[in-house]
């Protein structure tokens, strides 16, 4: 980087959960919501998966990164968060919003980074409910070098159901020709019948962990279910669900170099 080039910072968002959300889908038993979050920062957009039937969602292992310049951090740049309720029949409902100013957060990796709590400003349709919703999130602002100390990759495993007299059988061989294949990226833009064709190679100077599927988002084996790959996704299958997928993760950790050690 030249001396006159502005430094780049990486805003890392993790440890996501929300508490005391309002009921968006009322029922005789009190109702619940199917929440998910969207994030916007300097025209960069991210989103969590939808978690069905919960008013206190926790997004395990979700981590998002936003790239900013020093000038934008010195200004009035904020991270804008929207809390949504997923709806199969009609459009999704906006539950509330949060604005997180980024200028007050320290830059560089800190010895201890606490989870911050922010009130969720409810949309007008939910103000009458007696709730005090909050967003809990950890925010770090790292240099590019610090952000590359650990790289996380994800791959999705996909299957389709076949129904017969003997019940439901799930297999990737049931996937249709116009659908994503057995292994894919999140949105299916890249897919293959071979796991190794989708997973990235280990970068030079990094040590790979082991691939593991994420159970927290799905059933006991990590599967989430939907009527199509467009979602929304649910932890349990029903008569309307035809496809399922589960998320696999691996972390590549940078190996220490001579420059990192003290003599």
C-alpha atoms as a PDB file:
ATOM      1  CA  UNK A   1       0.000   0.000   0.000  1.00  0.00           C
ATOM      2  CA  UNK A   2       1.407   3.380  -0.974  1.00  0.00           C
ATOM      3  CA  UNK A   3       1.792   6.087   1.657  1.00  0.00           C
ATOM      4  CA  UNK A   4      -1.063   8.137   0.207  1.00  0.00           C
ATOM      5  CA  UNK A   5      -3.463   5.223  -0.170  1.00  0.00           C
ATOM      6  CA  UNK A   6      -6.277   5.197   2.339  1.00  0.00           C
ATOM      7  CA  UNK A   7      -6.335   2.180   4.687  1.00  0.00           C
ATOM      8  CA  UNK A   8      -9.126  -0.338   4.391  1.00  0.00           C
ATOM      9  CA  UNK A   9     -10.970  -1.664   7.433  1.00  0.00           C
ATOM     10  CA  UNK A  10     -13.131  -4.762   7.758  1.00  0.00           C
ATOM     11  CA  UNK A  11     -16.243  -4.534   9.944  1.00  0.00           C
ATOM     12  CA  UNK A  12     -16.923  -8.027  11.323  1.00  0.00           C
ATOM     13  CA  UNK A  13     -20.416  -8.743  12.653  1.00  0.00           C
ATOM     14  CA  UNK A  14     -20.970 -11.925  14.708  1.00  0.00           C
ATOM     15  CA  UNK A  15     -22.601 -13.449  17.821  1.00  0.00           C
ATOM     16  CA  UNK A  16     -26.044 -12.515  16.532  1.00  0.00           C
ATOM     17  CA  UNK A  17     -29.246 -12.946  18.481  1.00  0.00           C
ATOM     18  CA  UNK A  18     -32.484 -11.085  19.154  1.00  0.00           C
ATOM     19  CA  UNK A  19     -34.709 -11.190  22.214  1.00  0.00           C
ATOM     20  CA  UNK A  20     -38.341 -10.469  23.049  1.00  0.00           C
ATOM     21  CA  UNK A  21     -39.539 -10.045  19.468  1.00  0.00           C
ATOM     22  CA  UNK A  22     -43.232  -9.322  18.850  1.00  0.00           C
ATOM     23  CA  UNK A  23     -45.594 -11.959  17.504  1.00  0.00           C
ATOM     24  CA  UNK A  24     -45.963 -11.620  13.743  1.00  0.00           C
ATOM     25  CA  UNK A  25     -47.933 -14.833  13.184  1.00  0.00           C
ATOM     26  CA  UNK A  26     -50.711 -14.979  15.819  1.00  0.00           C
ATOM     27  CA  UNK A  27     -52.461 -18.240  16.675  1.00  0.00           C
ATOM     28  CA  UNK A  28     -54.744 -19.721  19.321  1.00  0.00           C
ATOM     29  CA  UNK A  29     -51.654 -20.698  21.329  1.00  0.00           C
ATOM     30  CA  UNK A  30     -50.247 -17.178  21.292  1.00  0.00           C
ATOM     31  CA  UNK A  31     -48.323 -17.166  18.036  1.00  0.00           C
ATOM     32  CA  UNK A  32     -44.712 -16.658  17.089  1.00  0.00           C
ATOM     33  CA  UNK A  33     -42.504 -15.243  14.326  1.00  0.00           C
ATOM     34  CA  UNK A  34     -40.180 -16.547  11.619  1.00  0.00           C
ATOM     35  CA  UNK A  35     -37.424 -13.926  11.940  1.00  0.00           C
ATOM     36  CA  UNK A  36     -34.396 -13.134   9.848  1.00  0.00           C
ATOM     37  CA  UNK A  37     -32.058 -10.125   9.687  1.00  0.00           C
ATOM     38  CA  UNK A  38     -30.809  -8.005   6.812  1.00  0.00           C
ATOM     39  CA  UNK A  39     -27.764  -5.723   7.040  1.00  0.00           C
ATOM     40  CA  UNK A  40     -26.867  -2.750   4.862  1.00  0.00           C
ATOM     41  CA  UNK A  41     -23.598  -0.810   5.136  1.00  0.00           C
ATOM     42  CA  UNK A  42     -22.306   1.463   2.377  1.00  0.00           C
ATOM     43  CA  UNK A  43     -24.408  -0.387  -0.244  1.00  0.00           C
ATOM     44  CA  UNK A  44     -23.130  -3.785   0.955  1.00  0.00           C
ATOM     45  CA  UNK A  45     -26.024  -6.121   1.794  1.00  0.00           C
ATOM     46  CA  UNK A  46     -26.010  -9.293   3.928  1.00  0.00           C
ATOM     47  CA  UNK A  47     -28.748 -11.485   5.419  1.00  0.00           C
ATOM     48  CA  UNK A  48     -29.144 -14.289   7.949  1.00  0.00           C
ATOM     49  CA  UNK A  49     -31.185 -17.439   7.384  1.00  0.00           C
ATOM     50  CA  UNK A  50     -34.788 -17.436   8.580  1.00  0.00           C
ATOM     51  CA  UNK A  51     -35.351 -19.164  11.920  1.00  0.00           C
ATOM     52  CA  UNK A  52     -38.890 -20.552  12.218  1.00  0.00           C
ATOM     53  CA  UNK A  53     -41.261 -20.173  15.166  1.00  0.00           C
ATOM     54  CA  UNK A  54     -39.169 -18.232  17.660  1.00  0.00           C
ATOM     55  CA  UNK A  55     -39.286 -14.879  19.429  1.00  0.00           C
ATOM     56  CA  UNK A  56     -35.707 -15.204  20.686  1.00  0.00           C
ATOM     57  CA  UNK A  57     -33.661 -16.251  17.645  1.00  0.00           C
ATOM     58  CA  UNK A  58     -29.963 -17.081  17.813  1.00  0.00           C
ATOM     59  CA  UNK A  59     -27.936 -17.226  14.599  1.00  0.00           C
ATOM     60  CA  UNK A  60     -25.140 -19.656  15.457  1.00  0.00           C
ATOM     61  CA  UNK A  61     -21.884 -19.330  13.542  1.00  0.00           C
ATOM     62  CA  UNK A  62     -23.170 -16.493  11.337  1.00  0.00           C
ATOM     63  CA  UNK A  63     -20.450 -13.959  10.593  1.00  0.00           C
ATOM     64  CA  UNK A  64     -20.568 -11.077   8.102  1.00  0.00           C
ATOM     65  CA  UNK A  65     -17.872  -8.719   6.834  1.00  0.00           C
ATOM     66  CA  UNK A  66     -18.196  -5.225   5.389  1.00  0.00           C
ATOM     67  CA  UNK A  67     -15.277  -3.413   3.756  1.00  0.00           C
ATOM     68  CA  UNK A  68     -14.898   0.288   4.574  1.00  0.00           C
ATOM     69  CA  UNK A  69     -12.295   3.011   4.170  1.00  0.00           C
ATOM     70  CA  UNK A  70     -10.912   5.090   7.007  1.00  0.00           C
ATOM     71  CA  UNK A  71     -12.754   8.161   5.721  1.00  0.00           C
ATOM     72  CA  UNK A  72     -16.115   6.433   5.866  1.00  0.00           C
ATOM     73  CA  UNK A  73     -15.430   5.252   9.417  1.00  0.00           C
ATOM     74  CA  UNK A  74     -14.473   8.769  10.474  1.00  0.00           C
ATOM     75  CA  UNK A  75     -17.777  10.074   9.150  1.00  0.00           C
ATOM     76  CA  UNK A  76     -21.338   9.183  10.026  1.00  0.00           C
ATOM     77  CA  UNK A  77     -21.373   5.675   8.566  1.00  0.00           C
ATOM     78  CA  UNK A  78     -23.812   3.292  10.231  1.00  0.00           C
ATOM     79  CA  UNK A  79     -24.731  -0.353   9.971  1.00  0.00           C
ATOM     80  CA  UNK A  80     -28.467  -0.565   9.277  1.00  0.00           C
ATOM     81  CA  UNK A  81     -30.238  -3.694  10.479  1.00  0.00           C
ATOM     82  CA  UNK A  82     -33.790  -4.740   9.675  1.00  0.00           C
ATOM     83  CA  UNK A  83     -35.653  -7.518  11.474  1.00  0.00           C
ATOM     84  CA  UNK A  84     -38.132  -9.336   9.233  1.00  0.00           C
ATOM     85  CA  UNK A  85     -40.797 -12.000   9.601  1.00  0.00           C
ATOM     86  CA  UNK A  86     -40.814 -14.487   6.732  1.00  0.00           C
ATOM     87  CA  UNK A  87     -44.248 -15.189   5.244  1.00  0.00           C
ATOM     88  CA  UNK A  88     -44.958 -17.989   2.780  1.00  0.00           C
ATOM     89  CA  UNK A  89     -48.250 -16.609   1.447  1.00  0.00           C
ATOM     90  CA  UNK A  90     -47.784 -12.821   1.439  1.00  0.00           C
ATOM     91  CA  UNK A  91     -44.802 -10.477   1.465  1.00  0.00           C
ATOM     92  CA  UNK A  92     -42.483 -10.527   4.460  1.00  0.00           C
ATOM     93  CA  UNK A  93     -43.344  -8.229   7.377  1.00  0.00           C
ATOM     94  CA  UNK A  94     -40.879  -5.651   8.693  1.00  0.00           C
ATOM     95  CA  UNK A  95     -40.718  -6.133  12.466  1.00  0.00           C
ATOM     96  CA  UNK A  96     -38.288  -3.355  13.317  1.00  0.00           C
ATOM     97  CA  UNK A  97     -35.005  -1.588  12.635  1.00  0.00           C
ATOM     98  CA  UNK A  98     -31.687  -0.819  14.307  1.00  0.00           C
ATOM     99  CA  UNK A  99     -29.080   1.783  13.368  1.00  0.00           C
ATOM    100  CA  UNK A 100     -25.558   1.135  14.682  1.00  0.00           C
ATOM    101  CA  UNK A 101     -23.083   4.052  14.269  1.00  0.00           C
ATOM    102  CA  UNK A 102     -19.656   2.565  13.549  1.00  0.00           C
ATOM    103  CA  UNK A 103     -17.447   5.545  14.358  1.00  0.00           C
ATOM    104  CA  UNK A 104     -17.410   4.850  18.104  1.00  0.00           C
ATOM    105  CA  UNK A 105     -15.999   1.309  17.864  1.00  0.00           C
ATOM    106  CA  UNK A 106     -12.239   0.810  18.429  1.00  0.00           C
ATOM    107  CA  UNK A 107     -10.107  -0.193  15.469  1.00  0.00           C
ATOM    108  CA  UNK A 108      -7.845  -3.208  15.527  1.00  0.00           C
ATOM    109  CA  UNK A 109      -8.222  -6.520  17.325  1.00  0.00           C
ATOM    110  CA  UNK A 110      -8.992  -6.013  21.018  1.00  0.00           C
ATOM    111  CA  UNK A 111      -8.077  -8.385  23.898  1.00  0.00           C
ATOM    112  CA  UNK A 112     -11.765  -8.608  24.779  1.00  0.00           C
ATOM    113  CA  UNK A 113     -14.703  -7.604  22.626  1.00  0.00           C
ATOM    114  CA  UNK A 114     -18.076  -7.510  24.356  1.00  0.00           C
ATOM    115  CA  UNK A 115     -21.413  -8.224  22.766  1.00  0.00           C
ATOM    116  CA  UNK A 116     -23.347  -4.968  22.406  1.00  0.00           C
ATOM    117  CA  UNK A 117     -27.090  -4.586  22.891  1.00  0.00           C
ATOM    118  CA  UNK A 118     -29.276  -2.252  20.832  1.00  0.00           C
ATOM    119  CA  UNK A 119     -33.030  -1.590  21.097  1.00  0.00           C
ATOM    120  CA  UNK A 120     -35.066  -2.612  18.072  1.00  0.00           C
ATOM    121  CA  UNK A 121     -37.364   0.201  16.937  1.00  0.00           C
ATOM    122  CA  UNK A 122     -40.636  -1.539  16.161  1.00  0.00           C
ATOM    123  CA  UNK A 123     -42.607  -0.987  12.988  1.00  0.00           C
ATOM    124  CA  UNK A 124     -45.992   0.693  13.525  1.00  0.00           C
ATOM    125  CA  UNK A 125     -47.864  -2.612  13.125  1.00  0.00           C
ATOM    126  CA  UNK A 126     -46.168  -4.057  16.229  1.00  0.00           C
ATOM    127  CA  UNK A 127     -45.932  -1.071  18.587  1.00  0.00           C
ATOM    128  CA  UNK A 128     -49.037  -2.092  20.556  1.00  0.00           C
ATOM    129  CA  UNK A 129     -47.463  -5.354  21.688  1.00  0.00           C
ATOM    130  CA  UNK A 130     -45.933  -5.188  25.150  1.00  0.00           C
ATOM    131  CA  UNK A 131     -42.424  -6.231  24.227  1.00  0.00           C
ATOM    132  CA  UNK A 132     -38.951  -4.725  24.502  1.00  0.00           C
ATOM    133  CA  UNK A 133     -37.048  -6.277  21.594  1.00  0.00           C
ATOM    134  CA  UNK A 134     -33.274  -6.034  21.492  1.00  0.00           C
ATOM    135  CA  UNK A 135     -30.512  -6.963  19.083  1.00  0.00           C
ATOM    136  CA  UNK A 136     -27.346  -8.468  20.547  1.00  0.00           C
ATOM    137  CA  UNK A 137     -24.260  -8.377  18.341  1.00  0.00           C
ATOM    138  CA  UNK A 138     -20.466  -8.341  18.483  1.00  0.00           C
ATOM    139  CA  UNK A 139     -18.794  -5.797  16.206  1.00  0.00           C
ATOM    140  CA  UNK A 140     -15.077  -5.683  15.449  1.00  0.00           C
ATOM    141  CA  UNK A 141     -13.260  -3.302  13.116  1.00  0.00           C
ATOM    142  CA  UNK A 142     -10.136  -5.063  11.872  1.00  0.00           C
ATOM    143  CA  UNK A 143      -7.324  -4.255   9.503  1.00  0.00           C
ATOM    144  CA  UNK A 144      -7.127  -6.319   6.335  1.00  0.00           C
ATOM    145  CA  UNK A 145      -4.252  -8.350   7.790  1.00  0.00           C
ATOM    146  CA  UNK A 146      -6.188  -9.085  10.990  1.00  0.00           C
ATOM    147  CA  UNK A 147      -9.302 -10.114   9.054  1.00  0.00           C
ATOM    148  CA  UNK A 148      -7.252 -12.689   7.132  1.00  0.00           C
ATOM    149  CA  UNK A 149      -5.919 -14.437  10.241  1.00  0.00           C
ATOM    150  CA  UNK A 150      -8.863 -16.834   9.963  1.00  0.00           C
ATOM    151  CA  UNK A 151     -10.917 -17.469   6.821  1.00  0.00           C
ATOM    152  CA  UNK A 152     -14.251 -19.293   7.026  1.00  0.00           C
ATOM    153  CA  UNK A 153     -15.764 -21.075   4.041  1.00  0.00           C
ATOM    154  CA  UNK A 154     -19.208 -22.616   3.659  1.00  0.00           C
ATOM    155  CA  UNK A 155     -20.720 -25.222   1.326  1.00  0.00           C
ATOM    156  CA  UNK A 156     -24.341 -26.370   1.129  1.00  0.00           C
ATOM    157  CA  UNK A 157     -25.456 -29.981   0.693  1.00  0.00           C
ATOM    158  CA  UNK A 158     -28.724 -30.327  -1.262  1.00  0.00           C
ATOM    159  CA  UNK A 159     -31.307 -33.102  -1.594  1.00  0.00           C
ATOM    160  CA  UNK A 160     -34.827 -33.592  -2.945  1.00  0.00           C
ATOM    161  CA  UNK A 161     -37.592 -35.870  -1.645  1.00  0.00           C
ATOM    162  CA  UNK A 162     -39.319 -38.668  -3.511  1.00  0.00           C
ATOM    163  CA  UNK A 163     -42.639 -39.858  -2.117  1.00  0.00           C
ATOM    164  CA  UNK A 164     -44.041 -43.338  -2.576  1.00  0.00           C
ATOM    165  CA  UNK A 165     -45.916 -46.098  -0.822  1.00  0.00           C
ATOM    166  CA  UNK A 166     -42.966 -46.731   1.466  1.00  0.00           C
ATOM    167  CA  UNK A 167     -42.755 -43.102   2.572  1.00  0.00           C
ATOM    168  CA  UNK A 168     -40.365 -40.226   1.894  1.00  0.00           C
ATOM    169  CA  UNK A 169     -36.856 -40.872   0.632  1.00  0.00           C
ATOM    170  CA  UNK A 170     -34.290 -38.072   0.464  1.00  0.00           C
ATOM    171  CA  UNK A 171     -31.414 -38.140  -2.000  1.00  0.00           C
ATOM    172  CA  UNK A 172     -29.338 -35.834  -4.175  1.00  0.00           C
ATOM    173  CA  UNK A 173     -30.158 -38.167  -7.080  1.00  0.00           C
ATOM    174  CA  UNK A 174     -33.741 -36.827  -6.971  1.00  0.00           C
ATOM    175  CA  UNK A 175     -32.607 -33.277  -7.782  1.00  0.00           C
ATOM    176  CA  UNK A 176     -34.030 -31.935 -11.026  1.00  0.00           C
ATOM    177  CA  UNK A 177     -31.880 -30.981 -14.008  1.00  0.00           C
ATOM    178  CA  UNK A 178     -32.591 -27.243 -13.614  1.00  0.00           C
ATOM    179  CA  UNK A 179     -31.790 -27.222  -9.872  1.00  0.00           C
ATOM    180  CA  UNK A 180     -28.537 -26.844  -8.005  1.00  0.00           C
ATOM    181  CA  UNK A 181     -26.565 -30.059  -7.724  1.00  0.00           C
ATOM    182  CA  UNK A 182     -25.579 -32.073  -4.653  1.00  0.00           C
ATOM    183  CA  UNK A 183     -23.049 -29.465  -3.425  1.00  0.00           C
ATOM    184  CA  UNK A 184     -23.382 -25.725  -3.965  1.00  0.00           C
ATOM    185  CA  UNK A 185     -22.749 -22.212  -2.753  1.00  0.00           C
ATOM    186  CA  UNK A 186     -25.470 -20.522  -0.700  1.00  0.00           C
ATOM    187  CA  UNK A 187     -27.494 -19.176  -3.630  1.00  0.00           C
ATOM    188  CA  UNK A 188     -26.645 -22.055  -5.947  1.00  0.00           C
ATOM    189  CA  UNK A 189     -24.687 -19.970  -8.433  1.00  0.00           C
ATOM    190  CA  UNK A 190     -21.965 -22.611  -8.298  1.00  0.00           C
ATOM    191  CA  UNK A 191     -22.841 -26.272  -7.852  1.00  0.00           C
ATOM    192  CA  UNK A 192     -21.417 -29.706  -8.549  1.00  0.00           C
ATOM    193  CA  UNK A 193     -21.988 -33.382  -7.822  1.00  0.00           C
ATOM    194  CA  UNK A 194     -18.487 -33.409  -6.323  1.00  0.00           C
ATOM    195  CA  UNK A 195     -17.719 -31.856  -2.945  1.00  0.00           C
ATOM    196  CA  UNK A 196     -14.116 -31.080  -3.901  1.00  0.00           C
ATOM    197  CA  UNK A 197     -15.267 -29.078  -6.931  1.00  0.00           C
ATOM    198  CA  UNK A 198     -17.031 -26.542  -4.683  1.00  0.00           C
ATOM    199  CA  UNK A 199     -14.721 -26.411  -1.686  1.00  0.00           C
ATOM    200  CA  UNK A 200     -11.761 -24.023  -1.979  1.00  0.00           C
ATOM    201  CA  UNK A 201      -8.199 -25.235  -1.746  1.00  0.00           C
ATOM    202  CA  UNK A 202      -6.244 -24.367   1.379  1.00  0.00           C
ATOM    203  CA  UNK A 203      -4.334 -21.104   0.796  1.00  0.00           C
ATOM    204  CA  UNK A 204      -0.572 -21.162   1.156  1.00  0.00           C
ATOM    205  CA  UNK A 205       0.442 -20.392   4.718  1.00  0.00           C
ATOM    206  CA  UNK A 206      -2.852 -21.577   6.241  1.00  0.00           C
ATOM    207  CA  UNK A 207      -3.874 -24.687   8.166  1.00  0.00           C
ATOM    208  CA  UNK A 208      -7.323 -26.143   7.473  1.00  0.00           C
ATOM    209  CA  UNK A 209      -9.691 -27.393  10.121  1.00  0.00           C
ATOM    210  CA  UNK A 210     -12.265 -30.104   9.478  1.00  0.00           C
ATOM    211  CA  UNK A 211     -15.508 -29.692   7.568  1.00  0.00           C
ATOM    212  CA  UNK A 212     -18.586 -29.988   9.786  1.00  0.00           C
ATOM    213  CA  UNK A 213     -22.285 -29.344   9.289  1.00  0.00           C
ATOM    214  CA  UNK A 214     -24.134 -26.792  11.406  1.00  0.00           C
ATOM    215  CA  UNK A 215     -26.829 -28.402  13.546  1.00  0.00           C
ATOM    216  CA  UNK A 216     -28.134 -25.238  15.191  1.00  0.00           C
ATOM    217  CA  UNK A 217     -30.057 -24.018  12.127  1.00  0.00           C
ATOM    218  CA  UNK A 218     -31.862 -27.277  11.384  1.00  0.00           C
ATOM    219  CA  UNK A 219     -32.951 -30.656  12.719  1.00  0.00           C
ATOM    220  CA  UNK A 220     -30.727 -33.127  14.579  1.00  0.00           C
ATOM    221  CA  UNK A 221     -28.665 -33.656  11.426  1.00  0.00           C
ATOM    222  CA  UNK A 222     -28.566 -29.993  10.428  1.00  0.00           C
ATOM    223  CA  UNK A 223     -31.140 -30.190   7.603  1.00  0.00           C
ATOM    224  CA  UNK A 224     -33.531 -27.331   6.862  1.00  0.00           C
ATOM    225  CA  UNK A 225     -36.585 -27.853   4.640  1.00  0.00           C
ATOM    226  CA  UNK A 226     -38.550 -25.881   2.044  1.00  0.00           C
ATOM    227  CA  UNK A 227     -40.951 -26.299  -0.852  1.00  0.00           C
ATOM    228  CA  UNK A 228     -38.242 -25.045  -3.241  1.00  0.00           C
ATOM    229  CA  UNK A 229     -34.676 -23.791  -3.087  1.00  0.00           C
ATOM    230  CA  UNK A 230     -36.040 -20.239  -2.994  1.00  0.00           C
ATOM    231  CA  UNK A 231     -37.102 -20.890   0.630  1.00  0.00           C
ATOM    232  CA  UNK A 232     -38.178 -19.956   3.238  1.00  0.00           C
ATOM    233  CA  UNK A 233     -36.436 -22.678   5.209  1.00  0.00           C
ATOM    234  CA  UNK A 234     -37.759 -24.532   8.251  1.00  0.00           C
ATOM    235  CA  UNK A 235     -36.320 -26.911  10.826  1.00  0.00           C
ATOM    236  CA  UNK A 236     -39.037 -29.525  10.327  1.00  0.00           C
ATOM    237  CA  UNK A 237     -40.334 -31.149   7.165  1.00  0.00           C
ATOM    238  CA  UNK A 238     -44.021 -31.185   6.266  1.00  0.00           C
ATOM    239  CA  UNK A 239     -46.220 -32.384   3.422  1.00  0.00           C
ATOM    240  CA  UNK A 240     -45.325 -29.200   1.524  1.00  0.00           C
ATOM    241  CA  UNK A 241     -41.551 -29.579   1.756  1.00  0.00           C
ATOM    242  CA  UNK A 242     -39.823 -31.056  -1.280  1.00  0.00           C
ATOM    243  CA  UNK A 243     -36.172 -30.048  -0.854  1.00  0.00           C
ATOM    244  CA  UNK A 244     -33.717 -29.832   1.989  1.00  0.00           C
ATOM    245  CA  UNK A 245     -30.184 -28.567   2.546  1.00  0.00           C
ATOM    246  CA  UNK A 246     -27.578 -28.285   5.274  1.00  0.00           C
ATOM    247  CA  UNK A 247     -24.635 -26.006   5.766  1.00  0.00           C
ATOM    248  CA  UNK A 248     -21.039 -27.191   6.050  1.00  0.00           C
ATOM    249  CA  UNK A 249     -18.281 -24.961   7.465  1.00  0.00           C
ATOM    250  CA  UNK A 250     -14.513 -25.011   7.672  1.00  0.00           C
ATOM    251  CA  UNK A 251     -11.959 -22.491   8.916  1.00  0.00           C
ATOM    252  CA  UNK A 252      -8.492 -21.870   7.512  1.00  0.00           C
ATOM    253  CA  UNK A 253      -6.160 -20.408  10.159  1.00  0.00           C
ATOM    254  CA  UNK A 254      -3.050 -18.462   9.180  1.00  0.00           C
ATOM    255  CA  UNK A 255       0.161 -20.115  10.303  1.00  0.00           C
ATOM    256  CA  UNK A 256       2.507 -17.963  12.423  1.00  0.00           C
ATOM    257  CA  UNK A 257       5.551 -16.557  10.643  1.00  0.00           C
ATOM    258  CA  UNK A 258       8.912 -15.381  11.918  1.00  0.00           C
ATOM    259  CA  UNK A 259       7.608 -11.810  11.914  1.00  0.00           C
ATOM    260  CA  UNK A 260       4.831 -12.849  14.301  1.00  0.00           C
ATOM    261  CA  UNK A 261       7.213 -14.241  16.923  1.00  0.00           C
ATOM    262  CA  UNK A 262       9.280 -12.415  19.470  1.00  0.00           C
ATOM    263  CA  UNK A 263      12.835 -13.448  20.081  1.00  0.00           C
END
